[in-house]
Each structure stands twice: as structure tokens, then as C-alpha cells.
Amino acid sequence: MNSILLRRNLIITYILFFVWFLVVFAAIKYFTLTSFTIALTFLLLVFLPGFSLGRIFRISAESILDRLIFYLTLGLIFNLFLCLLGILFGLTINSLEFFIIVTQGILFIVSLMLDLTRPDQNLGQCSGKFKDIFKRQNLIYL
């Protein structure tokens, strides 16, 4: 029963990332571009591959703040690597943008499929409480 609850929390996390993706790209396409949509897009393009890589490689951490730092770091490394590949292959900005979005989408789908098919070890990774982020000792990092 606990395993089913943890898997449900993981699926909800994937659904929230997908909804975030839809909201960001709908806001870019149909609404005016504001600093809020730019920040949401940046955070999506950094956290999505970081989360996906963290789930693929089963990176575990003690607290949710540690996981967020891992996801941010992995996402930045992944994006910088894709930008380096874009420089080496002489991609234009439009083709680099398409390449990054497609690669992140493939990475997200692979991590979802692996989480659905692998055994339930380390499933508790995504079940942290949101309230734990805003503890007094984490305030300096936030």
C-alpha cells in the first residue's frame, strides 16, 4: 500500500511537470511575454532535465532541498552540454532551441518509462513535504 502511494506521488510529479510545460508554452505563444513567463520558462528548461536525470540515475538525497539543488545542477550541466554540442555543430539559435526542447522531451519520457517499469526501490525520493523546504535552517539558501 505504501508503495502504491509513493508511486502515485511520483506520477503526480510527472503530471505537474507536464502541466508546467503546457502552461509555459501556451503563455509564450498566446499571451504577452513578461518577466514572469521568462522566469517560468528558464526554470522549466533547467529543472525538467535535472529532474529527469535524477530519476534516471536514481540520485537520492536526505532532504528535498538537496534534491532541488541536485536537479538544478544536473539541469544546468545538461543544458550547457547541449549548448556546447550546438556550438560544435554550428547550429543556429532556432535549431538549437528545437534540439534542446526535443532532447529534454525525450529525456522526460525515458525517465517516466523507467520509473513506471523499474522496481519500487528509492520511490520515496519524490514524496518529500513541501513544508520542509522552508525550515529555518534552509532560509539562508532560499
Protein backbone atom coordinates (compact mmCIF):
# COMPACT_ATOMS: atom_id res chain seq x y z
CA MET A 1 0.00 0.00 0.00
CA ASN A 2 2.82 2.40 0.84
CA SER A 3 4.47 1.60 -2.49
CA ILE A 4 1.26 2.46 -4.36
CA LEU A 5 1.02 5.78 -2.51
CA LEU A 6 4.64 6.64 -3.32
CA ARG A 7 4.16 5.73 -6.99
CA ARG A 8 1.05 7.91 -7.06
CA ASN A 9 3.09 10.85 -5.70
CA LEU A 10 5.68 10.24 -8.40
CA ILE A 11 3.05 10.18 -11.16
CA ILE A 12 1.58 13.42 -9.78
CA THR A 13 5.05 14.98 -10.00
CA TYR A 14 5.33 13.96 -13.65
CA ILE A 15 1.86 15.34 -14.37
CA LEU A 16 2.77 18.65 -12.71
CA PHE A 17 5.90 18.94 -14.88
CA PHE A 18 3.81 18.24 -17.98
CA VAL A 19 1.21 20.85 -16.99
CA TRP A 20 4.02 23.32 -16.28
CA PHE A 21 5.35 22.66 -19.78
CA LEU A 22 1.92 23.27 -21.34
CA VAL A 23 1.33 26.47 -19.36
CA VAL A 24 4.73 27.91 -20.24
CA PHE A 25 4.48 27.29 -23.94
CA ALA A 26 0.84 28.39 -24.11
CA ALA A 27 1.80 31.61 -22.30
CA ILE A 28 4.65 32.21 -24.74
CA LYS A 29 2.52 31.56 -27.79
CA TYR A 30 -0.79 33.21 -26.88
CA PHE A 31 -0.02 35.88 -24.27
CA THR A 32 2.37 38.79 -23.96
CA LEU A 33 5.89 37.95 -22.89
CA THR A 34 6.53 39.12 -19.34
CA SER A 35 9.36 38.61 -16.90
CA PHE A 36 7.22 36.02 -15.10
CA THR A 37 6.86 33.85 -18.21
CA ILE A 38 10.58 34.20 -18.94
CA ALA A 39 11.39 33.06 -15.39
CA LEU A 40 8.93 30.13 -15.66
CA THR A 41 10.48 29.10 -18.97
CA PHE A 42 14.02 29.29 -17.61
CA LEU A 43 13.11 27.26 -14.54
CA LEU A 44 11.30 24.68 -16.67
CA LEU A 45 14.24 24.31 -19.05
CA VAL A 46 16.59 23.85 -16.08
CA PHE A 47 14.55 21.74 -13.67
CA LEU A 48 12.93 19.39 -16.20
CA PRO A 49 16.17 17.75 -17.43
CA GLY A 50 17.62 17.84 -13.92
CA PHE A 51 14.58 16.03 -12.53
CA SER A 52 14.64 13.54 -15.41
CA LEU A 53 18.35 12.80 -14.99
CA GLY A 54 17.92 12.49 -11.24
CA ARG A 55 15.14 9.95 -11.74
CA ILE A 56 17.07 8.02 -14.41
CA PHE A 57 20.24 7.73 -12.32
CA ARG A 58 18.27 7.35 -9.03
CA ILE A 59 20.12 10.13 -7.25
CA SER A 60 18.99 10.10 -3.66
CA ALA A 61 19.30 12.83 -1.07
CA GLU A 62 18.26 13.29 2.52
CA SER A 63 16.08 16.36 2.14
CA ILE A 64 14.01 17.94 -0.57
CA LEU A 65 16.30 20.97 -0.65
CA ASP A 66 19.24 18.71 -1.50
CA ARG A 67 17.20 17.19 -4.33
CA LEU A 68 16.30 20.63 -5.68
CA ILE A 69 19.98 21.59 -5.70
CA PHE A 70 20.83 18.33 -7.49
CA TYR A 71 18.09 18.92 -10.05
CA LEU A 72 19.22 22.49 -10.65
CA THR A 73 22.86 21.43 -11.04
CA LEU A 74 22.08 18.49 -13.32
CA GLY A 75 19.79 20.65 -15.45
CA LEU A 76 22.39 23.38 -15.86
CA ILE A 77 25.10 20.85 -16.74
CA PHE A 78 22.78 19.16 -19.25
CA ASN A 79 21.82 22.47 -20.90
CA LEU A 80 25.43 23.67 -21.05
CA PHE A 81 26.41 20.36 -22.64
CA LEU A 82 23.67 20.75 -25.27
CA CYS A 83 24.81 24.31 -25.95
CA LEU A 84 28.38 23.06 -26.37
CA LEU A 85 27.14 20.49 -28.88
CA GLY A 86 25.27 23.29 -30.65
CA ILE A 87 28.45 25.34 -30.88
CA LEU A 88 30.50 22.40 -32.11
CA PHE A 89 27.95 21.50 -34.80
CA GLY A 90 27.29 25.13 -35.80
CA LEU A 91 23.57 25.15 -35.02
CA THR A 92 21.56 28.33 -35.34
CA ILE A 93 19.54 29.64 -32.40
CA ASN A 94 16.27 28.25 -33.78
CA SER A 95 17.69 24.82 -34.46
CA LEU A 96 19.42 24.80 -31.05
CA GLU A 97 16.13 25.69 -29.36
CA PHE A 98 14.37 22.86 -31.20
CA PHE A 99 17.21 20.45 -30.37
CA ILE A 100 17.09 21.35 -26.66
CA ILE A 101 13.30 21.01 -26.40
CA VAL A 102 13.24 17.69 -28.28
CA THR A 103 16.13 16.29 -26.24
CA GLN A 104 14.52 17.33 -22.97
CA GLY A 105 11.22 15.81 -24.07
CA ILE A 106 12.90 12.51 -24.91
CA LEU A 107 14.74 12.56 -21.59
CA PHE A 108 11.48 13.22 -19.74
CA ILE A 109 9.70 10.35 -21.50
CA VAL A 110 12.62 7.97 -20.84
CA SER A 111 12.63 8.84 -17.13
CA LEU A 112 8.85 8.36 -16.94
CA MET A 113 9.04 4.96 -18.65
CA LEU A 114 11.91 3.84 -16.41
CA ASP A 115 10.04 4.90 -13.29
CA LEU A 116 6.95 3.00 -14.40
CA THR A 117 8.82 -0.20 -15.27
CA ARG A 118 11.61 -0.41 -12.67
CA PRO A 119 11.13 -1.93 -9.24
CA ASP A 120 9.96 0.29 -6.41
CA GLN A 121 13.33 0.93 -4.78
CA ASN A 122 14.01 4.57 -3.87
CA LEU A 123 10.50 5.64 -4.75
CA GLY A 124 10.32 7.81 -1.67
CA GLN A 125 12.55 10.35 -3.36
CA CYS A 126 9.67 12.48 -4.61
CA SER A 127 7.45 12.20 -1.58
CA GLY A 128 9.04 14.96 0.50
CA LYS A 129 6.87 17.53 2.14
CA PHE A 130 6.84 20.99 0.65
CA LYS A 131 6.83 22.49 4.14
CA ASP A 132 10.28 21.00 4.79
CA ILE A 133 11.84 23.33 2.24
CA PHE A 134 11.01 26.44 4.24
CA LYS A 135 12.55 25.35 7.53
CA ARG A 136 14.57 27.93 9.43
CA GLN A 137 17.92 26.27 8.62
CA ASN A 138 17.20 26.36 4.86
CA LEU A 139 16.25 30.03 4.82
CA ILE A 140 19.77 31.20 4.01
CA TYR A 141 19.87 29.02 0.88
CA LEU A 142 16.49 30.20 -0.33
